[in-house]
Protein backbone atom coordinates (compact mmCIF):
# COMPACT_ATOMS: atom_id res chain seq x y z
CA VAL A 1 -26.97 -11.40 -27.38
CA ALA A 2 -22.88 -9.90 -29.07
CA GLY A 3 -23.63 -6.73 -27.50
CA GLU A 4 -24.90 -8.28 -23.75
CA ASN A 5 -21.00 -10.35 -23.94
CA ILE A 6 -19.21 -7.30 -25.18
CA THR A 7 -20.49 -5.85 -22.11
CA ALA A 8 -20.11 -8.85 -19.61
CA ALA A 9 -16.68 -9.08 -20.62
CA GLU A 10 -15.83 -5.03 -20.45
CA SER A 11 -17.59 -5.59 -16.72
CA ARG A 12 -14.80 -8.48 -16.28
CA ILE A 13 -12.47 -6.66 -17.02
CA ARG A 14 -12.88 -3.16 -15.19
CA ASP A 15 -13.66 -5.40 -12.29
CA ALA A 16 -10.06 -7.20 -12.74
CA ASP A 17 -8.41 -3.73 -13.14
CA ILE A 18 -9.94 -2.24 -10.12
CA ALA A 19 -8.98 -5.05 -7.67
CA PHE A 20 -5.62 -5.10 -9.37
CA GLU A 21 -5.26 -1.50 -8.58
CA THR A 22 -6.80 -1.99 -5.08
CA ALA A 23 -3.94 -4.66 -4.14
CA LYS A 24 -1.47 -2.10 -5.52
CA PHE A 25 -3.12 0.53 -3.50
CA VAL A 26 -2.87 -1.45 -0.31
CA ARG A 27 0.60 -2.79 -1.00
CA ASN A 28 2.40 0.68 -1.23
CA GLN A 29 0.20 2.01 1.92
CA ILE A 30 2.08 -1.00 3.92
CA LEU A 31 5.23 -0.17 2.52
CA VAL A 32 4.68 3.76 3.85
CA GLN A 33 3.47 2.33 7.01
CA ALA A 34 6.68 0.48 7.39
CA GLY A 35 8.55 3.00 6.37
CA THR A 36 7.29 5.49 8.52
CA SER A 37 7.83 3.00 11.50
CA ILE A 38 11.49 2.45 10.41
CA LEU A 39 11.90 6.20 10.26
CA ALA A 40 10.49 6.53 14.21
CA GLN A 41 12.63 3.99 15.75
CA ALA A 42 16.06 5.28 14.19
CA ASN A 43 14.80 8.88 15.48
CA THR A 44 14.92 7.38 18.76
CA LEU A 45 17.87 5.26 18.82
CA PRO A 46 20.28 8.83 19.26
CA GLN A 47 17.48 10.39 21.55
CA GLN A 48 17.83 6.91 23.88
CA ALA A 49 21.63 7.00 23.61
CA LEU A 50 22.02 10.59 24.66
CA ALA A 51 19.94 9.94 27.83
CA LEU A 52 22.66 7.59 28.90
CA LEU A 53 25.17 10.06 28.70
CA GLN A 54 23.38 12.45 30.26
């Protein structure tokens, strides 16, 4: 019985770690996508200004 309890506890800890790491990964992916979007917008503004001057 004690061995089963230890196994169950370890399983719960590992499951919690996987959920935490998955949440961190998703958060970082969102930040990367947001940063890429901001850079793309920043690159188009000078191009639009140049087009207005031409």
